[in-house]
Amino acid sequence: MAQGKRISVDIHPSALQAIQALGAAARQARQQAGEGQAAAAARLGVHVQTIGRIEAGEPGVAIGHVLGLLALYGISAAPQNLATPAAGA
């Protein structure tokens, strides 16, 4: 199930869904701001392909890039349940 270029293990489906949801939220916010991927990449200091990978929900993108893109558009990705371990963890 791993989709990212640097991922060699399977990712739990709920984690993959969360990554994809963050990517979709980033894409929507970028589009609502009227910016293209190239503009977002320039602002974040990454290659335009990185923006595409984030928005596609690829799990191999560095978390700093993902959170940085979300922050550019005012989206918080603050964890909700840090004190409660996931079932089966």
PDB file of N, CA and C in Angstrom:
ATOM      1  N   MET A   1       0.805  -1.196   0.000  1.00  0.00           N
ATOM      2  CA  MET A   1       0.000   0.000   0.000  1.00  0.00           C
ATOM      3  C   MET A   1       0.848   1.259   0.000  1.00  0.00           C
ATOM      4  N   ALA A   2       2.110   1.159   0.394  1.00  0.00           N
ATOM      5  CA  ALA A   2       2.966   2.340   0.457  1.00  0.00           C
ATOM      6  C   ALA A   2       3.088   2.965  -0.926  1.00  0.00           C
ATOM      7  N   GLN A   3       2.930   4.280  -0.989  1.00  0.00           N
ATOM      8  CA  GLN A   3       2.968   4.974  -2.262  1.00  0.00           C
ATOM      9  C   GLN A   3       4.192   5.847  -2.427  1.00  0.00           C
ATOM     10  N   GLY A   4       4.770   6.336  -1.339  1.00  0.00           N
ATOM     11  CA  GLY A   4       5.898   7.246  -1.409  1.00  0.00           C
ATOM     12  C   GLY A   4       7.154   6.538  -1.890  1.00  0.00           C
ATOM     13  N   LYS A   5       8.033   7.291  -2.512  1.00  0.00           N
ATOM     14  CA  LYS A   5       9.251   6.715  -3.074  1.00  0.00           C
ATOM     15  C   LYS A   5      10.180   6.166  -1.995  1.00  0.00           C
ATOM     16  N   ARG A   6      10.163   6.750  -0.791  1.00  0.00           N
ATOM     17  CA  ARG A   6      11.085   6.350   0.256  1.00  0.00           C
ATOM     18  C   ARG A   6      10.418   5.507   1.335  1.00  0.00           C
ATOM     19  N   ILE A   7       9.249   5.004   1.092  1.00  0.00           N
ATOM     20  CA  ILE A   7       8.537   4.203   2.083  1.00  0.00           C
ATOM     21  C   ILE A   7       8.711   2.735   1.727  1.00  0.00           C
ATOM     22  N   SER A   8       9.221   1.970   2.692  1.00  0.00           N
ATOM     23  CA  SER A   8       9.454   0.558   2.408  1.00  0.00           C
ATOM     24  C   SER A   8       8.544  -0.357   3.219  1.00  0.00           C
ATOM     25  N   VAL A   9       7.710   0.216   4.090  1.00  0.00           N
ATOM     26  CA  VAL A   9       6.791  -0.596   4.886  1.00  0.00           C
ATOM     27  C   VAL A   9       5.364  -0.121   4.631  1.00  0.00           C
ATOM     28  N   ASP A  10       4.442  -1.008   4.921  1.00  0.00           N
ATOM     29  CA  ASP A  10       3.041  -0.633   4.764  1.00  0.00           C
ATOM     30  C   ASP A  10       2.654   0.385   5.821  1.00  0.00           C
ATOM     31  N   ILE A  11       1.788   1.280   5.451  1.00  0.00           N
ATOM     32  CA  ILE A  11       1.286   2.299   6.361  1.00  0.00           C
ATOM     33  C   ILE A  11      -0.143   1.920   6.730  1.00  0.00           C
ATOM     34  N   HIS A  12      -0.477   2.070   7.990  1.00  0.00           N
ATOM     35  CA  HIS A  12      -1.828   1.745   8.452  1.00  0.00           C
ATOM     36  C   HIS A  12      -2.838   2.555   7.641  1.00  0.00           C
ATOM     37  N   PRO A  13      -3.938   1.953   7.238  1.00  0.00           N
ATOM     38  CA  PRO A  13      -4.926   2.654   6.419  1.00  0.00           C
ATOM     39  C   PRO A  13      -5.419   3.971   7.028  1.00  0.00           C
ATOM     40  N   SER A  14      -5.594   4.022   8.332  1.00  0.00           N
ATOM     41  CA  SER A  14      -6.075   5.267   8.932  1.00  0.00           C
ATOM     42  C   SER A  14      -5.017   6.365   8.846  1.00  0.00           C
ATOM     43  N   ALA A  15      -3.748   5.987   8.943  1.00  0.00           N
ATOM     44  CA  ALA A  15      -2.670   6.967   8.801  1.00  0.00           C
ATOM     45  C   ALA A  15      -2.595   7.464   7.368  1.00  0.00           C
ATOM     46  N   LEU A  16      -2.739   6.567   6.421  1.00  0.00           N
ATOM     47  CA  LEU A  16      -2.718   6.956   5.013  1.00  0.00           C
ATOM     48  C   LEU A  16      -3.891   7.893   4.692  1.00  0.00           C
ATOM     49  N   GLN A  17      -5.057   7.597   5.249  1.00  0.00           N
ATOM     50  CA  GLN A  17      -6.217   8.479   5.041  1.00  0.00           C
ATOM     51  C   GLN A  17      -5.955   9.867   5.606  1.00  0.00           C
ATOM     52  N   ALA A  18      -5.315   9.937   6.756  1.00  0.00           N
ATOM     53  CA  ALA A  18      -5.007  11.234   7.367  1.00  0.00           C
ATOM     54  C   ALA A  18      -4.027  12.016   6.498  1.00  0.00           C
ATOM     55  N   ILE A  19      -3.016  11.345   5.964  1.00  0.00           N
ATOM     56  CA  ILE A  19      -2.040  11.995   5.085  1.00  0.00           C
ATOM     57  C   ILE A  19      -2.734  12.521   3.830  1.00  0.00           C
ATOM     58  N   GLN A  20      -3.608  11.712   3.269  1.00  0.00           N
ATOM     59  CA  GLN A  20      -4.330  12.126   2.069  1.00  0.00           C
ATOM     60  C   GLN A  20      -5.267  13.293   2.363  1.00  0.00           C
ATOM     61  N   ALA A  21      -5.894  13.297   3.525  1.00  0.00           N
ATOM     62  CA  ALA A  21      -6.785  14.405   3.903  1.00  0.00           C
ATOM     63  C   ALA A  21      -6.003  15.697   4.072  1.00  0.00           C
ATOM     64  N   LEU A  22      -4.803  15.617   4.658  1.00  0.00           N
ATOM     65  CA  LEU A  22      -3.963  16.807   4.785  1.00  0.00           C
ATOM     66  C   LEU A  22      -3.571  17.333   3.412  1.00  0.00           C
ATOM     67  N   GLY A  23      -3.230  16.436   2.511  1.00  0.00           N
ATOM     68  CA  GLY A  23      -2.877  16.844   1.148  1.00  0.00           C
ATOM     69  C   GLY A  23      -4.032  17.509   0.431  1.00  0.00           C
ATOM     70  N   ALA A  24      -5.220  16.950   0.584  1.00  0.00           N
ATOM     71  CA  ALA A  24      -6.402  17.535  -0.050  1.00  0.00           C
ATOM     72  C   ALA A  24      -6.720  18.913   0.539  1.00  0.00           C
ATOM     73  N   ALA A  25      -6.562  19.041   1.853  1.00  0.00           N
ATOM     74  CA  ALA A  25      -6.798  20.339   2.502  1.00  0.00           C
ATOM     75  C   ALA A  25      -5.792  21.371   2.021  1.00  0.00           C
ATOM     76  N   ALA A  26      -4.538  20.958   1.872  1.00  0.00           N
ATOM     77  CA  ALA A  26      -3.507  21.872   1.373  1.00  0.00           C
ATOM     78  C   ALA A  26      -3.824  22.319  -0.045  1.00  0.00           C
ATOM     79  N   ARG A  27      -4.225  21.377  -0.897  1.00  0.00           N
ATOM     80  CA  ARG A  27      -4.572  21.720  -2.283  1.00  0.00           C
ATOM     81  C   ARG A  27      -5.739  22.708  -2.321  1.00  0.00           C
ATOM     82  N   GLN A  28      -6.766  22.428  -1.553  1.00  0.00           N
ATOM     83  CA  GLN A  28      -7.938  23.296  -1.544  1.00  0.00           C
ATOM     84  C   GLN A  28      -7.575  24.704  -1.066  1.00  0.00           C
ATOM     85  N   ALA A  29      -6.782  24.800  -0.015  1.00  0.00           N
ATOM     86  CA  ALA A  29      -6.389  26.106   0.520  1.00  0.00           C
ATOM     87  C   ALA A  29      -5.525  26.871  -0.483  1.00  0.00           C
ATOM     88  N   ARG A  30      -4.604  26.169  -1.141  1.00  0.00           N
ATOM     89  CA  ARG A  30      -3.753  26.806  -2.142  1.00  0.00           C
ATOM     90  C   ARG A  30      -4.587  27.337  -3.296  1.00  0.00           C
ATOM     91  N   GLN A  31      -5.517  26.537  -3.763  1.00  0.00           N
ATOM     92  CA  GLN A  31      -6.369  26.966  -4.876  1.00  0.00           C
ATOM     93  C   GLN A  31      -7.263  28.130  -4.477  1.00  0.00           C
ATOM     94  N   GLN A  32      -7.795  28.093  -3.260  1.00  0.00           N
ATOM     95  CA  GLN A  32      -8.631  29.194  -2.786  1.00  0.00           C
ATOM     96  C   GLN A  32      -7.830  30.488  -2.657  1.00  0.00           C
ATOM     97  N   ALA A  33      -6.532  30.355  -2.397  1.00  0.00           N
ATOM     98  CA  ALA A  33      -5.656  31.526  -2.309  1.00  0.00           C
ATOM     99  C   ALA A  33      -5.274  32.030  -3.700  1.00  0.00           C
ATOM    100  N   GLY A  34      -5.666  31.270  -4.719  1.00  0.00           N
ATOM    101  CA  GLY A  34      -5.375  31.678  -6.090  1.00  0.00           C
ATOM    102  C   GLY A  34      -3.928  31.461  -6.501  1.00  0.00           C
ATOM    103  N   GLU A  35      -3.245  30.549  -5.844  1.00  0.00           N
ATOM    104  CA  GLU A  35      -1.851  30.273  -6.158  1.00  0.00           C
ATOM    105  C   GLU A  35      -1.701  28.943  -6.874  1.00  0.00           C
ATOM    106  N   GLY A  36      -0.724  28.874  -7.732  1.00  0.00           N
ATOM    107  CA  GLY A  36      -0.367  27.623  -8.391  1.00  0.00           C
ATOM    108  C   GLY A  36       0.647  26.872  -7.554  1.00  0.00           C
ATOM    109  N   GLN A  37       0.933  25.654  -7.969  1.00  0.00           N
ATOM    110  CA  GLN A  37       1.909  24.851  -7.246  1.00  0.00           C
ATOM    111  C   GLN A  37       3.292  25.482  -7.276  1.00  0.00           C
ATOM    112  N   ALA A  38       3.638  26.123  -8.379  1.00  0.00           N
ATOM    113  CA  ALA A  38       4.964  26.750  -8.475  1.00  0.00           C
ATOM    114  C   ALA A  38       5.112  27.874  -7.458  1.00  0.00           C
ATOM    115  N   ALA A  39       4.075  28.660  -7.267  1.00  0.00           N
ATOM    116  CA  ALA A  39       4.125  29.752  -6.287  1.00  0.00           C
ATOM    117  C   ALA A  39       4.244  29.197  -4.872  1.00  0.00           C
ATOM    118  N   ALA A  40       3.495  28.147  -4.587  1.00  0.00           N
ATOM    119  CA  ALA A  40       3.570  27.530  -3.262  1.00  0.00           C
ATOM    120  C   ALA A  40       4.966  26.954  -3.026  1.00  0.00           C
ATOM    121  N   ALA A  41       5.532  26.315  -4.037  1.00  0.00           N
ATOM    122  CA  ALA A  41       6.873  25.740  -3.917  1.00  0.00           C
ATOM    123  C   ALA A  41       7.908  26.829  -3.654  1.00  0.00           C
ATOM    124  N   ALA A  42       7.786  27.941  -4.354  1.00  0.00           N
ATOM    125  CA  ALA A  42       8.726  29.048  -4.158  1.00  0.00           C
ATOM    126  C   ALA A  42       8.609  29.612  -2.743  1.00  0.00           C
ATOM    127  N   ARG A  43       7.398  29.768  -2.257  1.00  0.00           N
ATOM    128  CA  ARG A  43       7.191  30.290  -0.902  1.00  0.00           C
ATOM    129  C   ARG A  43       7.737  29.344   0.156  1.00  0.00           C
ATOM    130  N   LEU A  44       7.596  28.049  -0.074  1.00  0.00           N
ATOM    131  CA  LEU A  44       8.030  27.049   0.902  1.00  0.00           C
ATOM    132  C   LEU A  44       9.512  26.700   0.745  1.00  0.00           C
ATOM    133  N   GLY A  45      10.074  27.007  -0.431  1.00  0.00           N
ATOM    134  CA  GLY A  45      11.476  26.702  -0.676  1.00  0.00           C
ATOM    135  C   GLY A  45      11.729  25.252  -1.043  1.00  0.00           C
ATOM    136  N   VAL A  46      10.766  24.660  -1.744  1.00  0.00           N
ATOM    137  CA  VAL A  46      10.899  23.270  -2.173  1.00  0.00           C
ATOM    138  C   VAL A  46      10.640  23.183  -3.673  1.00  0.00           C
ATOM    139  N   HIS A  47      10.885  22.033  -4.245  1.00  0.00           N
ATOM    140  CA  HIS A  47      10.612  21.808  -5.656  1.00  0.00           C
ATOM    141  C   HIS A  47       9.103  21.676  -5.868  1.00  0.00           C
ATOM    142  N   VAL A  48       8.636  22.078  -7.020  1.00  0.00           N
ATOM    143  CA  VAL A  48       7.201  22.002  -7.320  1.00  0.00           C
ATOM    144  C   VAL A  48       6.680  20.563  -7.225  1.00  0.00           C
ATOM    145  N   GLN A  49       7.536  19.593  -7.512  1.00  0.00           N
ATOM    146  CA  GLN A  49       7.114  18.192  -7.398  1.00  0.00           C
ATOM    147  C   GLN A  49       6.776  17.834  -5.949  1.00  0.00           C
ATOM    148  N   THR A  50       7.444  18.472  -5.009  1.00  0.00           N
ATOM    149  CA  THR A  50       7.146  18.214  -3.599  1.00  0.00           C
ATOM    150  C   THR A  50       5.733  18.660  -3.267  1.00  0.00           C
ATOM    151  N   ILE A  51       5.329  19.785  -3.802  1.00  0.00           N
ATOM    152  CA  ILE A  51       3.956  20.263  -3.583  1.00  0.00           C
ATOM    153  C   ILE A  51       2.968  19.251  -4.160  1.00  0.00           C
ATOM    154  N   GLY A  52       3.238  18.776  -5.348  1.00  0.00           N
ATOM    155  CA  GLY A  52       2.377  17.772  -5.967  1.00  0.00           C
ATOM    156  C   GLY A  52       2.291  16.500  -5.154  1.00  0.00           C
ATOM    157  N   ARG A  53       3.424  16.075  -4.605  1.00  0.00           N
ATOM    158  CA  ARG A  53       3.432  14.856  -3.793  1.00  0.00           C
ATOM    159  C   ARG A  53       2.647  15.046  -2.498  1.00  0.00           C
ATOM    160  N   ILE A  54       2.784  16.224  -1.881  1.00  0.00           N
ATOM    161  CA  ILE A  54       2.021  16.507  -0.663  1.00  0.00           C
ATOM    162  C   ILE A  54       0.534  16.464  -0.977  1.00  0.00           C
ATOM    163  N   GLU A  55       0.145  17.172  -2.020  1.00  0.00           N
ATOM    164  CA  GLU A  55      -1.276  17.262  -2.370  1.00  0.00           C
ATOM    165  C   GLU A  55      -1.853  15.929  -2.815  1.00  0.00           C
ATOM    166  N   ALA A  56      -1.010  15.047  -3.330  1.00  0.00           N
ATOM    167  CA  ALA A  56      -1.463  13.716  -3.738  1.00  0.00           C
ATOM    168  C   ALA A  56      -1.557  12.760  -2.554  1.00  0.00           C
ATOM    169  N   GLY A  57      -1.081  13.211  -1.395  1.00  0.00           N
ATOM    170  CA  GLY A  57      -1.158  12.366  -0.208  1.00  0.00           C
ATOM    171  C   GLY A  57      -0.100  11.292  -0.152  1.00  0.00           C
ATOM    172  N   GLU A  58       1.044  11.528  -0.784  1.00  0.00           N
ATOM    173  CA  GLU A  58       2.114  10.544  -0.739  1.00  0.00           C
ATOM    174  C   GLU A  58       2.757  10.555   0.642  1.00  0.00           C
ATOM    175  N   PRO A  59       2.901   9.404   1.261  1.00  0.00           N
ATOM    176  CA  PRO A  59       3.404   9.340   2.631  1.00  0.00           C
ATOM    177  C   PRO A  59       4.904   9.550   2.776  1.00  0.00           C
ATOM    178  N   GLY A  60       5.668   9.584   1.702  1.00  0.00           N
ATOM    179  CA  GLY A  60       7.115   9.702   1.804  1.00  0.00           C
ATOM    180  C   GLY A  60       7.640  11.119   1.871  1.00  0.00           C
ATOM    181  N   VAL A  61       6.768  12.112   1.884  1.00  0.00           N
ATOM    182  CA  VAL A  61       7.208  13.503   1.926  1.00  0.00           C
ATOM    183  C   VAL A  61       7.588  13.860   3.367  1.00  0.00           C
ATOM    184  N   ALA A  62       8.661  14.622   3.518  1.00  0.00           N
ATOM    185  CA  ALA A  62       9.108  15.026   4.853  1.00  0.00           C
ATOM    186  C   ALA A  62       7.996  15.771   5.581  1.00  0.00           C
ATOM    187  N   ILE A  63       7.797  15.411   6.838  1.00  0.00           N
ATOM    188  CA  ILE A  63       6.712  16.000   7.624  1.00  0.00           C
ATOM    189  C   ILE A  63       6.864  17.520   7.741  1.00  0.00           C
ATOM    190  N   GLY A  64       8.089  18.003   7.764  1.00  0.00           N
ATOM    191  CA  GLY A  64       8.320  19.440   7.831  1.00  0.00           C
ATOM    192  C   GLY A  64       7.783  20.162   6.612  1.00  0.00           C
ATOM    193  N   HIS A  65       7.901  19.531   5.455  1.00  0.00           N
ATOM    194  CA  HIS A  65       7.364  20.131   4.234  1.00  0.00           C
ATOM    195  C   HIS A  65       5.837  20.144   4.265  1.00  0.00           C
ATOM    196  N   VAL A  66       5.256  19.060   4.720  1.00  0.00           N
ATOM    197  CA  VAL A  66       3.795  18.970   4.801  1.00  0.00           C
ATOM    198  C   VAL A  66       3.252  20.045   5.744  1.00  0.00           C
ATOM    199  N   LEU A  67       3.818  20.094   6.953  1.00  0.00           N
ATOM    200  CA  LEU A  67       3.348  21.078   7.930  1.00  0.00           C
ATOM    201  C   LEU A  67       3.646  22.502   7.471  1.00  0.00           C
ATOM    202  N   GLY A  68       4.755  22.689   6.794  1.00  0.00           N
ATOM    203  CA  GLY A  68       5.093  24.011   6.270  1.00  0.00           C
ATOM    204  C   GLY A  68       4.092  24.480   5.238  1.00  0.00           C
ATOM    205  N   LEU A  69       3.683  23.587   4.347  1.00  0.00           N
ATOM    206  CA  LEU A  69       2.694  23.954   3.330  1.00  0.00           C
ATOM    207  C   LEU A  69       1.361  24.292   3.976  1.00  0.00           C
ATOM    208  N   LEU A  70       0.954  23.488   4.937  1.00  0.00           N
ATOM    209  CA  LEU A  70      -0.303  23.768   5.636  1.00  0.00           C
ATOM    210  C   LEU A  70      -0.236  25.126   6.333  1.00  0.00           C
ATOM    211  N   ALA A  71       0.881  25.421   6.966  1.00  0.00           N
ATOM    212  CA  ALA A  71       1.037  26.691   7.677  1.00  0.00           C
ATOM    213  C   ALA A  71       0.983  27.884   6.728  1.00  0.00           C
ATOM    214  N   LEU A  72       1.503  27.719   5.510  1.00  0.00           N
ATOM    215  CA  LEU A  72       1.446  28.813   4.535  1.00  0.00           C
ATOM    216  C   LEU A  72       0.020  29.303   4.313  1.00  0.00           C
ATOM    217  N   TYR A  73      -0.919  28.393   4.427  1.00  0.00           N
ATOM    218  CA  TYR A  73      -2.320  28.717   4.151  1.00  0.00           C
ATOM    219  C   TYR A  73      -3.182  28.708   5.405  1.00  0.00           C
ATOM    220  N   GLY A  74      -2.538  28.787   6.566  1.00  0.00           N
ATOM    221  CA  GLY A  74      -3.271  28.935   7.822  1.00  0.00           C
ATOM    222  C   GLY A  74      -3.983  27.698   8.311  1.00  0.00           C
ATOM    223  N   ILE A  75      -3.514  26.528   7.894  1.00  0.00           N
ATOM    224  CA  ILE A  75      -4.141  25.281   8.321  1.00  0.00           C
ATOM    225  C   ILE A  75      -3.316  24.672   9.450  1.00  0.00           C
ATOM    226  N   SER A  76      -3.965  24.363  10.551  1.00  0.00           N
ATOM    227  CA  SER A  76      -3.298  23.719  11.676  1.00  0.00           C
ATOM    228  C   SER A  76      -3.462  22.212  11.560  1.00  0.00           C
ATOM    229  N   ALA A  77      -2.386  21.510  11.819  1.00  0.00           N
ATOM    230  CA  ALA A  77      -2.439  20.045  11.820  1.00  0.00           C
ATOM    231  C   ALA A  77      -2.105  19.540  13.214  1.00  0.00           C
ATOM    232  N   ALA A  78      -2.580  20.257  14.228  1.00  0.00           N
ATOM    233  CA  ALA A  78      -2.290  19.893  15.610  1.00  0.00           C
ATOM    234  C   ALA A  78      -2.924  18.546  15.941  1.00  0.00           C
ATOM    235  N   PRO A  79      -2.147  17.644  16.551  1.00  0.00           N
ATOM    236  CA  PRO A  79      -2.682  16.338  16.951  1.00  0.00           C
ATOM    237  C   PRO A  79      -3.809  16.522  17.986  1.00  0.00           C
ATOM    238  N   GLN A  80      -4.818  15.721  17.867  1.00  0.00           N
ATOM    239  CA  GLN A  80      -5.984  15.846  18.740  1.00  0.00           C
ATOM    240  C   GLN A  80      -5.910  14.951  19.987  1.00  0.00           C
ATOM    241  N   ASN A  81      -5.394  13.755  19.825  1.00  0.00           N
ATOM    242  CA  ASN A  81      -5.436  12.797  20.920  1.00  0.00           C
ATOM    243  C   ASN A  81      -4.058  12.243  21.244  1.00  0.00           C
ATOM    244  N   LEU A  82      -3.146  13.094  21.623  1.00  0.00           N
ATOM    245  CA  LEU A  82      -1.801  12.625  21.920  1.00  0.00           C
ATOM    246  C   LEU A  82      -1.740  11.693  23.133  1.00  0.00           C
ATOM    247  N   ALA A  83      -2.593  11.912  24.110  1.00  0.00           N
ATOM    248  CA  ALA A  83      -2.553  11.113  25.341  1.00  0.00           C
ATOM    249  C   ALA A  83      -3.218   9.757  25.177  1.00  0.00           C
ATOM    250  N   THR A  84      -3.984   9.570  24.118  1.00  0.00           N
ATOM    251  CA  THR A  84      -4.721   8.333  23.914  1.00  0.00           C
ATOM    252  C   THR A  84      -4.082   7.531  22.799  1.00  0.00           C
ATOM    253  N   PRO A  85      -3.432   6.412  23.122  1.00  0.00           N
ATOM    254  CA  PRO A  85      -2.816   5.596  22.064  1.00  0.00           C
ATOM    255  C   PRO A  85      -3.878   5.000  21.151  1.00  0.00           C
ATOM    256  N   ALA A  86      -3.519   4.864  19.897  1.00  0.00           N
ATOM    257  CA  ALA A  86      -4.428   4.273  18.925  1.00  0.00           C
ATOM    258  C   ALA A  86      -4.667   2.812  19.278  1.00  0.00           C
ATOM    259  N   ALA A  87      -5.822   2.304  18.942  1.00  0.00           N
ATOM    260  CA  ALA A  87      -6.155   0.906  19.193  1.00  0.00           C
ATOM    261  C   ALA A  87      -5.152   0.007  18.491  1.00  0.00           C
ATOM    262  N   GLY A  88      -4.633  -0.951  19.183  1.00  0.00           N
ATOM    263  CA  GLY A  88      -3.694  -1.882  18.598  1.00  0.00           C
ATOM    264  C   GLY A  88      -2.270  -1.385  18.580  1.00  0.00           C
ATOM    265  N   ALA A  89      -2.045  -0.199  19.145  1.00  0.00           N
ATOM    266  CA  ALA A  89      -0.681   0.355  19.126  1.00  0.00           C
ATOM    267  C   ALA A  89       0.143  -0.192  20.262  1.00  0.00           C
TER     268      ALA A  89
END
